[in-house]
C-alpha atoms as a PDB file:
ATOM      1  CA  MET A   1      -0.058   0.424   0.034  1.00  0.00           C
ATOM      2  CA  SER A   2       1.423   3.352  -1.010  1.00  0.00           C
ATOM      3  CA  ASP A   3       1.997   6.081   1.841  1.00  0.00           C
ATOM      4  CA  ILE A   4      -0.729   8.324   0.057  1.00  0.00           C
ATOM      5  CA  VAL A   5      -3.472   5.324   0.417  1.00  0.00           C
ATOM      6  CA  ASP A   6      -2.419   4.599   3.644  1.00  0.00           C
ATOM      7  CA  GLN A   7      -2.952   8.143   4.777  1.00  0.00           C
ATOM      8  CA  ALA A   8      -6.443   8.314   2.909  1.00  0.00           C
ATOM      9  CA  VAL A   9      -7.359   5.282   5.059  1.00  0.00           C
ATOM     10  CA  LYS A  10      -6.439   6.921   8.165  1.00  0.00           C
ATOM     11  CA  ALA A  11      -7.941   9.876   7.341  1.00  0.00           C
ATOM     12  CA  LEU A  12     -11.227   8.627   6.278  1.00  0.00           C
ATOM     13  CA  ASN A  13     -11.648   6.522   9.743  1.00  0.00           C
ATOM     14  CA  GLU A  14     -11.273   9.554  11.169  1.00  0.00           C
ATOM     15  CA  LYS A  15     -13.680  11.483   9.508  1.00  0.00           C
ATOM     16  CA  ILE A  16     -16.111   8.590   9.499  1.00  0.00           C
ATOM     17  CA  GLU A  17     -16.117   6.836  12.713  1.00  0.00           C
ATOM     18  CA  GLY A  18     -18.051   3.619  13.279  1.00  0.00           C
ATOM     19  CA  GLY A  19     -18.142   3.334   9.389  1.00  0.00           C
ATOM     20  CA  PHE A  20     -20.587   4.354   6.765  1.00  0.00           C
ATOM     21  CA  ASP A  21     -23.758   2.497   7.050  1.00  0.00           C
ATOM     22  CA  ALA A  22     -25.496   3.627   3.701  1.00  0.00           C
ATOM     23  CA  GLY A  23     -23.804   1.131   1.698  1.00  0.00           C
ATOM     24  CA  SER A  24     -20.160   1.176   0.314  1.00  0.00           C
ATOM     25  CA  ALA A  25     -18.306   3.965  -1.469  1.00  0.00           C
ATOM     26  CA  LYS A  26     -14.881   3.570  -3.516  1.00  0.00           C
ATOM     27  CA  PHE A  27     -12.614   6.752  -3.687  1.00  0.00           C
ATOM     28  CA  VAL A  28     -10.022   6.342  -6.510  1.00  0.00           C
ATOM     29  CA  ILE A  29      -6.953   8.412  -6.259  1.00  0.00           C
ATOM     30  CA  THR A  30      -5.750   8.946  -9.386  1.00  0.00           C
ATOM     31  CA  ASP A  31      -2.140   7.313  -9.888  1.00  0.00           C
ATOM     32  CA  GLU A  32      -2.277   6.414  -6.344  1.00  0.00           C
ATOM     33  CA  GLY A  33      -4.869   3.624  -5.491  1.00  0.00           C
ATOM     34  CA  SER A  34      -8.186   3.044  -4.081  1.00  0.00           C
ATOM     35  CA  VAL A  35      -9.964   3.424  -0.588  1.00  0.00           C
ATOM     36  CA  VAL A  36     -13.221   1.601  -0.012  1.00  0.00           C
ATOM     37  CA  VAL A  37     -15.507   2.794   2.897  1.00  0.00           C
ATOM     38  CA  ASP A  38     -18.247   0.950   4.259  1.00  0.00           C
ATOM     39  CA  ALA A  39     -20.109  -0.121   7.335  1.00  0.00           C
ATOM     40  CA  ASN A  40     -16.560  -1.505   8.436  1.00  0.00           C
ATOM     41  CA  GLY A  41     -14.723   1.734   8.154  1.00  0.00           C
ATOM     42  CA  ALA A  42     -12.245   2.700   5.546  1.00  0.00           C
ATOM     43  CA  ARG A  43      -9.574   0.416   3.810  1.00  0.00           C
ATOM     44  CA  GLU A  44      -7.451  -0.290   1.059  1.00  0.00           C
ATOM     45  CA  ALA A  45      -9.121  -1.963  -1.868  1.00  0.00           C
ATOM     46  CA  ASP A  46     -10.139  -1.980  -5.321  1.00  0.00           C
ATOM     47  CA  VAL A  47     -13.619  -3.871  -5.330  1.00  0.00           C
ATOM     48  CA  ASP A  48     -17.070  -2.857  -6.713  1.00  0.00           C
ATOM     49  CA  ALA A  49     -19.040  -0.294  -4.595  1.00  0.00           C
ATOM     50  CA  ASP A  50     -22.230   1.233  -4.777  1.00  0.00           C
ATOM     51  CA  VAL A  51     -20.630   4.713  -5.714  1.00  0.00           C
ATOM     52  CA  THR A  52     -17.279   5.407  -7.243  1.00  0.00           C
ATOM     53  CA  LEU A  53     -15.745   8.835  -6.620  1.00  0.00           C
ATOM     54  CA  THR A  54     -12.386   9.726  -8.486  1.00  0.00           C
ATOM     55  CA  ALA A  55     -10.185  12.717  -8.073  1.00  0.00           C
ATOM     56  CA  ASP A  56      -6.547  13.526  -8.079  1.00  0.00           C
ATOM     57  CA  LEU A  57      -4.686  13.863  -4.880  1.00  0.00           C
ATOM     58  CA  GLU A  58      -5.165  17.287  -4.464  1.00  0.00           C
ATOM     59  CA  THR A  59      -8.711  17.185  -4.705  1.00  0.00           C
ATOM     60  CA  PHE A  60      -9.342  14.370  -2.626  1.00  0.00           C
ATOM     61  CA  GLN A  61      -6.950  15.995   0.158  1.00  0.00           C
ATOM     62  CA  GLY A  62      -9.021  19.101  -0.055  1.00  0.00           C
ATOM     63  CA  ILE A  63     -12.233  17.254   0.307  1.00  0.00           C
ATOM     64  CA  ILE A  64     -10.917  15.424   3.593  1.00  0.00           C
ATOM     65  CA  GLU A  65      -9.353  18.317   4.914  1.00  0.00           C
ATOM     66  CA  GLY A  66     -12.568  20.178   4.401  1.00  0.00           C
ATOM     67  CA  ASP A  67     -10.913  22.660   2.171  1.00  0.00           C
ATOM     68  CA  VAL A  68     -13.069  21.531  -1.027  1.00  0.00           C
ATOM     69  CA  ASN A  69     -16.466  21.151  -1.129  1.00  0.00           C
ATOM     70  CA  PRO A  70     -17.290  17.756  -2.962  1.00  0.00           C
ATOM     71  CA  THR A  71     -20.395  19.032  -4.804  1.00  0.00           C
ATOM     72  CA  ALA A  72     -18.180  22.128  -6.157  1.00  0.00           C
ATOM     73  CA  ALA A  73     -15.431  19.774  -7.230  1.00  0.00           C
ATOM     74  CA  PHE A  74     -17.962  17.527  -8.990  1.00  0.00           C
ATOM     75  CA  MET A  75     -19.453  20.655 -10.843  1.00  0.00           C
ATOM     76  CA  GLN A  76     -15.875  21.786 -11.741  1.00  0.00           C
ATOM     77  CA  GLY A  77     -15.154  18.450 -13.204  1.00  0.00           C
ATOM     78  CA  LYS A  78     -12.246  17.590 -10.507  1.00  0.00           C
ATOM     79  CA  LEU A  79     -14.373  14.656  -8.944  1.00  0.00           C
ATOM     80  CA  THR A  80     -16.395  11.867 -11.356  1.00  0.00           C
ATOM     81  CA  VAL A  81     -18.862   9.945  -9.670  1.00  0.00           C
ATOM     82  CA  GLU A  82     -20.224   6.702 -11.113  1.00  0.00           C
ATOM     83  CA  GLY A  83     -23.109   4.764  -9.295  1.00  0.00           C
ATOM     84  CA  ASP A  84     -25.607   5.583  -6.931  1.00  0.00           C
ATOM     85  CA  MET A  85     -25.622   9.586  -6.777  1.00  0.00           C
ATOM     86  CA  GLY A  86     -27.465   9.661  -3.578  1.00  0.00           C
ATOM     87  CA  MET A  87     -25.272   7.765  -1.681  1.00  0.00           C
ATOM     88  CA  ALA A  88     -22.213   9.990  -2.993  1.00  0.00           C
ATOM     89  CA  MET A  89     -24.201  13.049  -1.557  1.00  0.00           C
ATOM     90  CA  GLN A  90     -24.743  10.997   1.806  1.00  0.00           C
ATOM     91  CA  LEU A  91     -20.984  10.559   1.902  1.00  0.00           C
ATOM     92  CA  GLY A  92     -20.072  13.903   1.305  1.00  0.00           C
ATOM     93  CA  ALA A  93     -22.436  15.068   4.220  1.00  0.00           C
ATOM     94  CA  ALA A  94     -20.621  12.227   6.625  1.00  0.00           C
ATOM     95  CA  LEU A  95     -17.406  13.973   5.391  1.00  0.00           C
ATOM     96  CA  ALA A  96     -18.289  17.428   6.451  1.00  0.00           C
END
């Protein structure tokens, strides 16, 4: 696991204490790897999920740190979403 993905797992587990009960979400960090978040918390994995969010490292870090609004990133084309859009919005709220 890369240091970037390892840090992403740690940050997501801190933000979403107790896991994400709404389903499963996968964050694809371009050129780094993938992190899946579900009821068990965050972990490095590249498996199917209910929703997949893809962004570059800078955008992902900004979302996690609260400096980048996920909806704004999506509207600007910096974040792509495939799958359940409602779940993506729930995840965005959980990260706020």
